[in-house]
Structures are given as structure tokens and as C-alpha cells.
């Protein structure tokens, strides 16, 4: 459970770079007991990057979720409560 919580915390901080850091960052590899860093060539690094289209889809989904969450709070009908 502790390792899962640690992983989730690092994932929030590093975001989409988590996979890269797990492969090359010595500190993270020591934290998760993964051994020495893996050396990657330029072609492998290029395949790991997410494409512009995938980034766009992720950002649009996050924007839509944010908008829905904000509109719930701004909805006038949500403020109607008991006055007694």
C-alpha cells in the first residue's frame, strides 16, 4: 500500500513523464527497488513520447471534466435549499 501511495504521489508530480523517469531516474529506481537505470537510444525515446493528437484528446477531456465540475457549482438550481 505504501508503494502504491508513493507511486501515485510521484505520478501527480511528474505527470506524463513518469514512465521516462522510472526508466532513467536513479532516485526513483532506488525508491521502487528497480535496479540500475536502463539506457535507451534516441529512437526508443521518440516512440515513448505521446503524439500531439493524444495530448489534444487528453487536454480536451480534462477541459470538459473541469467545465462540468464548475458548472455544477454555478448552477442556480443547485443553490435552492430549505429555508425553514
Protein backbone atom coordinates (compact mmCIF):
# COMPACT_ATOMS: atom_id res chain seq x y z
CA UNK A 1 0.00 0.00 0.00
CA UNK A 2 2.85 2.36 0.81
CA UNK A 3 4.50 1.80 -2.59
CA UNK A 4 1.17 2.40 -4.36
CA UNK A 5 0.67 5.66 -2.46
CA UNK A 6 4.26 6.69 -3.20
CA UNK A 7 3.79 5.88 -6.90
CA UNK A 8 0.56 7.90 -7.06
CA UNK A 9 2.27 10.89 -5.42
CA UNK A 10 5.19 10.81 -7.86
CA UNK A 11 2.75 10.39 -10.77
CA UNK A 12 0.88 13.54 -9.74
CA UNK A 13 4.13 15.50 -9.64
CA UNK A 14 5.74 14.10 -12.80
CA UNK A 15 2.58 13.65 -14.87
CA UNK A 16 3.12 12.09 -18.27
CA UNK A 17 6.90 11.84 -17.69
CA UNK A 18 6.52 9.11 -15.07
CA UNK A 19 7.39 6.26 -17.44
CA UNK A 20 10.55 8.01 -18.61
CA UNK A 21 11.64 8.76 -15.05
CA UNK A 22 11.06 5.18 -13.95
CA UNK A 23 13.40 4.06 -16.71
CA UNK A 24 16.19 6.59 -16.31
CA UNK A 25 15.97 8.34 -12.91
CA UNK A 26 18.30 6.67 -10.38
CA UNK A 27 16.47 8.11 -7.38
CA UNK A 28 13.06 6.76 -8.45
CA UNK A 29 14.57 3.41 -9.38
CA UNK A 30 16.06 3.18 -5.87
CA UNK A 31 12.75 4.17 -4.25
CA UNK A 32 10.88 1.42 -6.12
CA UNK A 33 13.82 -1.06 -5.99
CA UNK A 34 14.06 -1.42 -9.78
CA UNK A 35 17.84 -1.74 -10.07
CA UNK A 36 20.19 0.30 -12.27
CA UNK A 37 18.77 2.67 -14.92
CA UNK A 38 18.01 1.37 -18.39
CA UNK A 39 19.92 3.05 -21.22
CA UNK A 40 17.71 3.99 -24.16
CA UNK A 41 18.61 5.17 -27.62
CA UNK A 42 17.06 8.17 -29.39
CA UNK A 43 14.62 6.03 -31.42
CA UNK A 44 13.21 4.45 -28.27
CA UNK A 45 12.79 7.84 -26.60
CA UNK A 46 10.89 9.13 -29.63
CA UNK A 47 8.43 6.22 -29.51
CA UNK A 48 7.75 6.87 -25.80
CA UNK A 49 6.53 10.44 -26.40
CA UNK A 50 2.80 10.83 -26.73
CA UNK A 51 1.65 12.28 -30.02
CA UNK A 52 0.23 15.74 -30.43
CA UNK A 53 -3.21 14.27 -31.18
CA UNK A 54 -3.17 12.16 -27.99
CA UNK A 55 -2.14 15.21 -25.98
CA UNK A 56 -5.01 17.14 -27.56
CA UNK A 57 -7.52 14.41 -26.67
CA UNK A 58 -6.28 14.29 -23.08
CA UNK A 59 -6.45 18.08 -22.70
CA UNK A 60 -9.93 18.30 -24.21
CA UNK A 61 -11.22 15.55 -21.90
CA UNK A 62 -9.70 17.32 -18.88
CA UNK A 63 -11.22 20.63 -20.01
CA UNK A 64 -14.66 19.04 -20.39
CA UNK A 65 -14.46 17.46 -16.92
CA UNK A 66 -13.38 20.79 -15.40
CA UNK A 67 -16.22 22.62 -17.12
CA UNK A 68 -18.79 20.12 -15.86
CA UNK A 69 -17.47 20.34 -12.30
CA UNK A 70 -17.52 24.14 -12.37
CA UNK A 71 -20.96 24.37 -13.93
CA UNK A 72 -22.43 22.22 -11.15
CA UNK A 73 -21.32 24.81 -8.63
CA UNK A 74 -22.55 27.73 -10.74
CA UNK A 75 -25.97 26.26 -11.45
CA UNK A 76 -28.68 28.38 -9.80
CA UNK A 77 -30.85 25.34 -9.20
CA UNK A 78 -28.13 23.76 -7.08
CA UNK A 79 -28.39 26.63 -4.58
CA UNK A 80 -32.07 26.02 -3.87
CA UNK A 81 -32.41 24.60 -0.39
CA UNK A 82 -34.73 24.56 2.56
CA UNK A 83 -35.46 27.95 4.02
CA UNK A 84 -37.17 26.72 7.17
